[in-house]
Amino acid sequence: MNALPAQRVAVATPGGRYDILIGDGLLQQAAPWQGLPRAAQAVIVGNPTVDAAYGAALQAALAPHYAGLTRLCLPDGEAHKDWASLELIFDHLLARGCDRRTVLFALGGGVVGDMTGFAAATYMRGVPFVQVPTTLLAQVDSSVGGKTAINHPRGKNMIGAFHQPVRVVCDLATLDTLPAREMAAGLAEVIKYGPIADMDFMDWVEANLPALLARDRPALAQAVRRSCEIKARVVGADERESGLRAILNFGHTFGHAIETGLGHGVWLHGEAVGCGMVLAAELSAELGLVAPAHAQRLARLVEAAGLPVRAPAMPLERWLELMRIDKKAEGGEIRFVLLEAPGRAAVRPAPDDLVRRVIARRTGA
């Protein structure tokens, strides 16, 4: 089968303009790596699993451009998205005398991308970095938009910075080795874009879900491209999440509470977001913003993608406590991304009693 032609999505923000390249076999091609910042040194940051699969290929592609090119492996998993792993990046850079022109390449999923981006934002007060996402979730969401962070035991992504990449290279071939659970987790972020911004896209995802689960290349290319187009438009209008960009956190207030409450890494981020979207849609219906049938439709799609729709059991007050730490909270008031209509979302508060009711219904509490 012939490789799909590469597609390009432009991102324009005050913090930087860059391209997202989407295609098949991009790691082995020369064009995606041309025109990047020149430097004496560059570092590929990955984890043992991704490095073993793709580290050598990326190193070979970058070798003509960087004389001093090294690879660094971080511990794998959300549980290691912390200060200790971040220090490993700084140790590697400092031990090699890397200067502020050094380019970092984040090869992996959202954990590697977030930590490499945060290191790039803070090392010598900012160095360039390139996102090379190898999971569906990272290709459609976390690699785009410049949000970088590490976790804290009391909250997810609470310590970070905005730092835009200079390029994002999405090689669809890397999805072939993605475990089925990770693939489903990525579909949560694909599904997200329909209810908040584009109901035609939600229709498309429903119709093409079997092809996406089967990793059909043209279907994946369309899903990644459209997801990136929507995110690029939102990020371009609101880079630092002062307004519109917050809608991209649909499902995340509930989802982050799940991740933090259970312990980072017990549920995958996409699993928590998928369940969180169901809860947020049902809360929207409870408030009379959308019809219950719309929330039910979303729940069916999330479940069909292989994602949990039953929330984990936690005391209701623990849920509320965790959600009050959410970055959208103001003055201790929990604020949710809610559906105002099919294809349109906004950030707004909700009464605690309704929140408890929705959670209780989904947990059986």
Protein backbone atom coordinates (compact mmCIF):
# COMPACT_ATOMS: atom_id res chain seq x y z
CA MET A 1 0.00 0.00 0.00
CA ASN A 2 1.34 3.43 -0.92
CA ALA A 3 2.05 5.80 1.93
CA LEU A 4 -0.46 8.58 2.43
CA PRO A 5 0.70 12.03 1.31
CA ALA A 6 1.75 14.22 4.21
CA GLN A 7 -0.74 16.84 5.38
CA ARG A 8 0.05 20.13 7.06
CA VAL A 9 -1.93 22.07 9.69
CA ALA A 10 -0.66 25.55 10.58
CA VAL A 11 -0.77 26.84 14.16
CA ALA A 12 -0.47 30.58 14.73
CA THR A 13 -0.20 31.90 18.29
CA PRO A 14 1.48 34.93 19.85
CA GLY A 15 4.03 32.51 21.30
CA GLY A 16 4.99 31.08 17.92
CA ARG A 17 3.91 29.91 14.50
CA TYR A 18 4.57 26.32 13.52
CA ASP A 19 3.34 23.45 11.41
CA ILE A 20 1.84 20.11 12.38
CA LEU A 21 2.91 17.50 9.84
CA ILE A 22 0.69 14.40 9.56
CA GLY A 23 1.66 11.45 7.42
CA ASP A 24 2.77 7.84 7.11
CA GLY A 25 6.41 6.97 7.67
CA LEU A 26 7.56 10.52 8.44
CA LEU A 27 10.29 9.31 10.82
CA GLN A 28 12.16 7.78 7.89
CA GLN A 29 11.74 10.77 5.56
CA ALA A 30 14.10 13.73 5.21
CA ALA A 31 11.61 16.56 4.61
CA PRO A 32 9.97 16.72 8.07
CA TRP A 33 13.32 17.51 9.71
CA GLN A 34 14.50 20.26 7.39
CA GLY A 35 14.30 23.94 8.33
CA LEU A 36 14.45 23.38 12.09
CA PRO A 37 16.59 25.61 14.34
CA ARG A 38 20.30 25.00 13.86
CA ALA A 39 22.36 24.03 16.88
CA ALA A 40 25.56 22.27 17.87
CA GLN A 41 23.61 19.86 20.03
CA ALA A 42 20.21 18.20 20.13
CA VAL A 43 18.65 15.69 22.51
CA ILE A 44 15.97 13.11 21.79
CA VAL A 45 13.95 12.49 24.96
CA GLY A 46 11.88 9.31 25.12
CA ASN A 47 11.16 6.32 27.34
CA PRO A 48 12.59 2.80 27.04
CA THR A 49 9.64 1.40 25.07
CA VAL A 50 9.42 4.19 22.50
CA ASP A 51 13.19 4.59 22.25
CA ALA A 52 13.60 0.91 21.45
CA ALA A 53 10.99 1.15 18.70
CA TYR A 54 11.77 4.52 17.13
CA GLY A 55 14.82 6.14 18.76
CA ALA A 56 17.34 4.88 16.23
CA ALA A 57 15.17 5.89 13.28
CA LEU A 58 14.74 9.44 14.58
CA GLN A 59 18.43 9.69 15.39
CA ALA A 60 19.32 8.63 11.84
CA ALA A 61 16.92 11.22 10.41
CA LEU A 62 18.35 14.02 12.58
CA ALA A 63 22.05 13.07 12.34
CA PRO A 64 22.68 15.16 9.19
CA HIS A 65 21.43 18.27 11.01
CA TYR A 66 23.01 17.99 14.48
CA ALA A 67 26.62 16.96 15.09
CA GLY A 68 26.10 16.51 18.81
CA LEU A 69 22.99 14.35 18.97
CA THR A 70 22.18 12.24 22.04
CA ARG A 71 19.25 10.21 23.35
CA LEU A 72 17.80 10.16 26.86
CA CYS A 73 15.27 7.70 28.28
CA LEU A 74 12.92 8.74 31.10
CA PRO A 75 11.02 6.28 33.31
CA ASP A 76 7.81 5.21 31.58
CA GLY A 77 4.34 6.16 32.77
CA GLU A 78 2.19 8.88 34.30
CA ALA A 79 3.47 8.00 37.78
CA HIS A 80 6.89 9.33 36.73
CA LYS A 81 5.67 12.68 35.41
CA ASP A 82 7.35 14.45 38.29
CA TRP A 83 10.30 16.55 39.48
CA ALA A 84 12.65 13.56 39.66
CA SER A 85 12.15 12.72 35.97
CA LEU A 86 12.38 16.38 35.00
CA GLU A 87 15.73 16.60 36.78
CA LEU A 88 17.01 13.76 34.58
CA ILE A 89 16.56 16.01 31.55
CA PHE A 90 18.34 18.92 33.22
CA ASP A 91 21.17 16.63 34.38
CA HIS A 92 21.63 15.35 30.82
CA LEU A 93 21.72 18.87 29.36
CA LEU A 94 24.08 20.30 31.95
CA ALA A 95 26.46 17.35 31.88
CA ARG A 96 26.95 17.92 28.15
CA GLY A 97 27.25 21.68 28.34
CA CYS A 98 24.14 22.23 26.25
CA ASP A 99 23.52 25.90 25.46
CA ARG A 100 20.35 27.85 24.81
CA ARG A 101 20.36 26.95 21.12
CA THR A 102 20.10 23.24 21.91
CA VAL A 103 16.99 21.62 20.42
CA LEU A 104 14.98 19.04 22.36
CA PHE A 105 12.93 16.39 20.54
CA ALA A 106 10.06 14.83 22.53
CA LEU A 107 9.61 11.29 21.18
CA GLY A 108 6.66 9.57 22.81
CA GLY A 109 3.24 10.18 24.31
CA GLY A 110 1.81 12.93 26.43
CA VAL A 111 4.01 12.28 29.47
CA VAL A 112 7.25 12.60 27.50
CA GLY A 113 5.89 15.54 25.52
CA ASP A 114 4.75 17.47 28.58
CA MET A 115 7.98 16.92 30.50
CA THR A 116 10.27 17.66 27.55
CA GLY A 117 8.28 20.79 26.79
CA PHE A 118 8.50 21.95 30.41
CA ALA A 119 12.25 21.32 30.41
CA ALA A 120 12.55 23.28 27.16
CA ALA A 121 10.52 26.15 28.64
CA THR A 122 12.76 26.44 31.69
CA TYR A 123 16.28 25.33 30.70
CA MET A 124 18.29 28.54 30.31
CA ARG A 125 14.87 30.29 30.35
CA GLY A 126 13.80 28.64 27.13
CA VAL A 127 15.18 26.48 24.32
CA PRO A 128 13.41 25.23 21.17
CA PHE A 129 11.73 21.85 21.09
CA VAL A 130 9.98 19.62 18.58
CA GLN A 131 7.08 17.31 19.37
CA VAL A 132 7.24 13.83 17.81
CA PRO A 133 4.10 12.23 19.29
CA THR A 134 3.78 8.45 19.03
CA THR A 135 0.36 7.96 20.64
CA LEU A 136 -3.01 8.95 19.26
CA LEU A 137 -3.77 11.05 22.33
CA ALA A 138 -0.57 13.03 21.91
CA GLN A 139 -1.05 13.46 18.16
CA VAL A 140 -4.56 14.90 18.48
CA ASP A 141 -4.16 16.84 21.71
CA SER A 142 -1.21 17.12 24.07
CA SER A 143 1.51 17.78 21.46
CA VAL A 144 -0.35 20.81 20.08
CA GLY A 145 -0.76 24.14 21.82
CA GLY A 146 2.29 24.54 24.04
CA LYS A 147 0.88 23.46 27.40
CA THR A 148 3.67 21.74 29.33
CA ALA A 149 3.62 20.47 32.90
CA ILE A 150 4.44 17.89 35.52
CA ASN A 151 2.12 16.42 38.12
CA HIS A 152 2.02 17.07 41.84
CA PRO A 153 0.68 14.49 44.31
CA ARG A 154 -2.18 16.89 45.05
CA GLY A 155 -3.12 17.62 41.44
CA LYS A 156 -2.47 16.81 37.80
CA ASN A 157 -0.51 19.25 35.61
CA MET A 158 -0.43 21.86 38.36
CA ILE A 159 3.20 22.91 37.73
CA GLY A 160 4.07 23.96 34.21
CA ALA A 161 4.48 26.63 31.56
CA PHE A 162 3.21 27.66 28.14
CA HIS A 163 5.95 26.99 25.58
CA GLN A 164 5.11 26.39 21.93
CA PRO A 165 7.01 23.76 19.93
CA VAL A 166 8.71 24.78 16.70
CA ARG A 167 7.15 21.81 14.88
CA VAL A 168 4.94 18.78 15.50
CA VAL A 169 5.58 15.63 13.45
CA CYS A 170 2.80 13.02 13.62
CA ASP A 171 3.90 9.76 12.02
CA LEU A 172 0.78 7.60 11.78
CA ALA A 173 2.95 4.48 11.44
CA THR A 174 3.88 4.77 15.12
CA LEU A 175 0.27 3.98 16.02
CA ASP A 176 0.72 0.43 14.74
CA THR A 177 2.56 -0.55 17.91
CA LEU A 178 0.18 1.23 20.28
CA PRO A 179 -1.55 -1.10 22.77
CA ALA A 180 -5.32 -1.32 22.33
CA ARG A 181 -5.94 0.37 25.69
CA GLU A 182 -3.77 3.36 24.66
CA MET A 183 -5.55 3.53 21.30
CA ALA A 184 -8.92 3.77 23.03
CA ALA A 185 -7.55 6.42 25.38
CA GLY A 186 -6.54 8.52 22.40
CA LEU A 187 -10.00 8.22 20.88
CA ALA A 188 -11.39 10.03 23.94
CA GLU A 189 -9.60 13.20 22.85
CA VAL A 190 -10.77 12.71 19.25
CA ILE A 191 -14.38 12.29 20.39
CA LYS A 192 -14.06 15.42 22.55
CA TYR A 193 -13.85 17.81 19.60
CA GLY A 194 -17.31 16.98 18.26
CA PRO A 195 -19.52 17.95 21.25
CA ILE A 196 -17.57 21.15 21.92
CA ALA A 197 -16.92 22.44 18.40
CA ASP A 198 -18.05 20.39 15.39
CA MET A 199 -21.06 18.09 15.37
CA ASP A 200 -20.33 17.08 11.77
CA PHE A 201 -17.06 15.67 13.07
CA MET A 202 -18.93 13.79 15.81
CA ASP A 203 -21.17 12.28 13.11
CA TRP A 204 -18.02 11.28 11.21
CA VAL A 205 -16.40 9.69 14.26
CA GLU A 206 -19.55 7.66 14.98
CA ALA A 207 -19.66 6.41 11.39
CA ASN A 208 -15.93 5.65 11.22
CA LEU A 209 -15.30 4.31 14.72
CA PRO A 210 -14.79 0.70 13.51
CA ALA A 211 -12.19 1.92 11.00
CA LEU A 212 -10.43 3.97 13.67
CA LEU A 213 -10.34 1.03 16.07
CA ALA A 214 -8.93 -1.11 13.23
CA ARG A 215 -6.24 1.58 12.67
CA ASP A 216 -7.27 2.22 9.11
CA ARG A 217 -4.67 4.71 7.86
CA PRO A 218 -6.94 7.09 5.89
CA ALA A 219 -9.42 7.21 8.80
CA LEU A 220 -6.64 7.96 11.29
CA ALA A 221 -5.24 10.66 9.02
CA GLN A 222 -8.63 12.35 8.85
CA ALA A 223 -9.17 12.08 12.62
CA VAL A 224 -5.76 13.52 13.46
CA ARG A 225 -6.00 16.29 10.87
CA ARG A 226 -9.48 17.47 11.90
CA SER A 227 -8.65 17.27 15.60
CA CYS A 228 -5.53 19.35 15.05
CA GLU A 229 -7.41 21.88 12.92
CA ILE A 230 -9.96 22.45 15.68
CA LYS A 231 -7.33 22.68 18.40
CA ALA A 232 -5.15 25.01 16.28
CA ARG A 233 -8.10 27.36 15.76
CA VAL A 234 -8.91 27.46 19.47
CA VAL A 235 -5.29 27.83 20.59
CA GLY A 236 -4.67 30.54 18.01
CA ALA A 237 -7.52 32.56 19.47
CA ASP A 238 -6.59 31.97 23.13
CA GLU A 239 -3.04 30.74 23.65
CA ARG A 240 -2.93 31.00 27.45
CA GLU A 241 -6.37 29.68 28.31
CA SER A 242 -7.86 32.97 29.44
CA GLY A 243 -11.20 32.18 27.82
CA LEU A 244 -12.07 30.09 24.74
CA ARG A 245 -9.23 27.57 25.12
CA ALA A 246 -10.73 26.27 28.34
CA ILE A 247 -13.39 24.43 26.30
CA LEU A 248 -10.66 21.96 25.30
CA ASN A 249 -10.82 20.76 28.90
CA PHE A 250 -14.26 19.22 28.37
CA GLY A 251 -14.41 16.22 30.70
CA HIS A 252 -11.10 17.10 32.33
CA THR A 253 -12.42 18.50 35.63
CA PHE A 254 -14.01 15.14 36.42
CA GLY A 255 -11.18 13.30 34.67
CA HIS A 256 -8.36 14.91 36.63
CA ALA A 257 -10.22 14.16 39.86
CA ILE A 258 -10.33 10.50 38.83
CA GLU A 259 -6.62 10.44 38.02
CA THR A 260 -5.53 12.18 41.20
CA GLY A 261 -8.01 10.38 43.44
CA LEU A 262 -7.02 6.91 42.22
CA GLY A 263 -3.32 7.74 41.90
CA HIS A 264 -1.63 8.91 38.71
CA GLY A 265 -1.40 6.09 36.18
CA VAL A 266 -4.13 3.80 37.55
CA TRP A 267 -6.49 5.02 34.83
CA LEU A 268 -5.00 6.34 31.61
CA HIS A 269 -5.59 10.03 30.99
CA GLY A 270 -7.88 9.30 28.04
CA GLU A 271 -9.89 6.81 30.08
CA ALA A 272 -10.46 9.40 32.78
CA VAL A 273 -11.35 12.07 30.20
CA GLY A 274 -13.77 9.73 28.43
CA CYS A 275 -15.65 9.04 31.66
CA GLY A 276 -15.35 12.72 32.58
CA MET A 277 -17.01 13.75 29.32
CA VAL A 278 -19.97 11.50 30.09
CA LEU A 279 -20.30 13.09 33.55
CA ALA A 280 -19.96 16.61 32.13
CA ALA A 281 -22.58 15.94 29.44
CA GLU A 282 -24.99 14.54 32.02
CA LEU A 283 -24.39 17.57 34.24
CA SER A 284 -25.17 19.77 31.21
CA ALA A 285 -28.44 17.87 30.79
CA GLU A 286 -29.26 18.22 34.50
CA LEU A 287 -28.88 22.00 34.07
CA GLY A 288 -31.23 21.97 31.08
CA LEU A 289 -28.53 23.08 28.64
CA VAL A 290 -28.81 20.07 26.33
CA ALA A 291 -31.35 17.28 25.95
CA PRO A 292 -30.70 14.07 27.91
CA ALA A 293 -30.64 12.26 24.56
CA HIS A 294 -27.53 14.21 23.57
CA ALA A 295 -25.70 13.12 26.73
CA GLN A 296 -26.84 9.54 26.16
CA ARG A 297 -25.53 9.64 22.59
CA LEU A 298 -22.11 10.75 23.80
CA ALA A 299 -22.06 8.02 26.47
CA ARG A 300 -22.80 5.38 23.82
CA LEU A 301 -19.95 6.64 21.63
CA VAL A 302 -17.48 6.73 24.52
CA GLU A 303 -18.43 3.19 25.51
CA ALA A 304 -18.23 1.96 21.92
CA ALA A 305 -14.67 3.30 21.76
CA GLY A 306 -13.75 0.95 24.60
CA LEU A 307 -13.63 3.58 27.33
CA PRO A 308 -15.13 3.39 30.83
CA VAL A 309 -18.45 5.14 31.39
CA ARG A 310 -18.84 4.09 35.02
CA ALA A 311 -16.98 6.37 37.40
CA PRO A 312 -14.76 4.90 40.11
CA ALA A 313 -16.11 4.81 43.63
CA MET A 314 -14.83 7.67 45.80
CA PRO A 315 -16.62 9.54 48.58
CA LEU A 316 -18.65 12.34 47.00
CA GLU A 317 -16.94 14.96 49.15
CA ARG A 318 -13.56 13.68 47.96
CA TRP A 319 -14.67 14.28 44.37
CA LEU A 320 -15.60 17.86 45.22
CA GLU A 321 -12.37 18.42 47.14
CA LEU A 322 -10.27 17.28 44.18
CA MET A 323 -12.24 19.33 41.67
CA ARG A 324 -11.77 22.49 43.74
CA ILE A 325 -8.04 22.18 42.99
CA ASP A 326 -8.76 22.25 39.24
CA LYS A 327 -7.09 25.11 37.37
CA LYS A 328 -10.48 26.46 36.23
CA ALA A 329 -11.71 26.80 39.83
CA GLU A 330 -12.04 30.34 41.13
CA GLY A 331 -12.28 31.22 44.80
CA GLY A 332 -12.96 27.59 45.66
CA GLU A 333 -15.90 27.46 43.21
CA ILE A 334 -15.72 24.50 40.84
CA ARG A 335 -16.12 25.50 37.19
CA PHE A 336 -16.89 22.94 34.51
CA VAL A 337 -16.74 22.88 30.74
CA LEU A 338 -20.40 22.25 29.95
CA LEU A 339 -22.29 21.78 26.70
CA GLU A 340 -24.47 24.80 26.00
CA ALA A 341 -25.76 23.18 22.82
CA PRO A 342 -24.59 20.37 20.54
CA GLY A 343 -21.24 21.57 19.18
CA ARG A 344 -20.86 24.47 21.61
CA ALA A 345 -19.34 24.57 25.10
CA ALA A 346 -18.56 27.12 27.79
CA VAL A 347 -17.06 27.27 31.27
CA ARG A 348 -19.56 27.77 34.05
CA PRO A 349 -20.28 26.70 37.65
CA ALA A 350 -22.85 24.14 38.73
CA PRO A 351 -24.55 23.59 42.09
CA ASP A 352 -22.79 21.05 44.27
CA ASP A 353 -25.98 19.05 44.76
CA LEU A 354 -26.35 18.49 41.01
CA VAL A 355 -22.70 17.49 40.74
CA ARG A 356 -23.15 14.98 43.55
CA ARG A 357 -26.28 13.59 41.85
CA VAL A 358 -24.49 13.04 38.54
CA ILE A 359 -21.50 11.37 40.18
CA ALA A 360 -23.70 9.19 42.37
CA ARG A 361 -25.66 8.00 39.34
CA ARG A 362 -22.48 7.01 37.50
CA THR A 363 -20.84 5.34 40.51
CA GLY A 364 -23.94 3.70 41.93
CA ALA A 365 -23.30 5.50 45.20
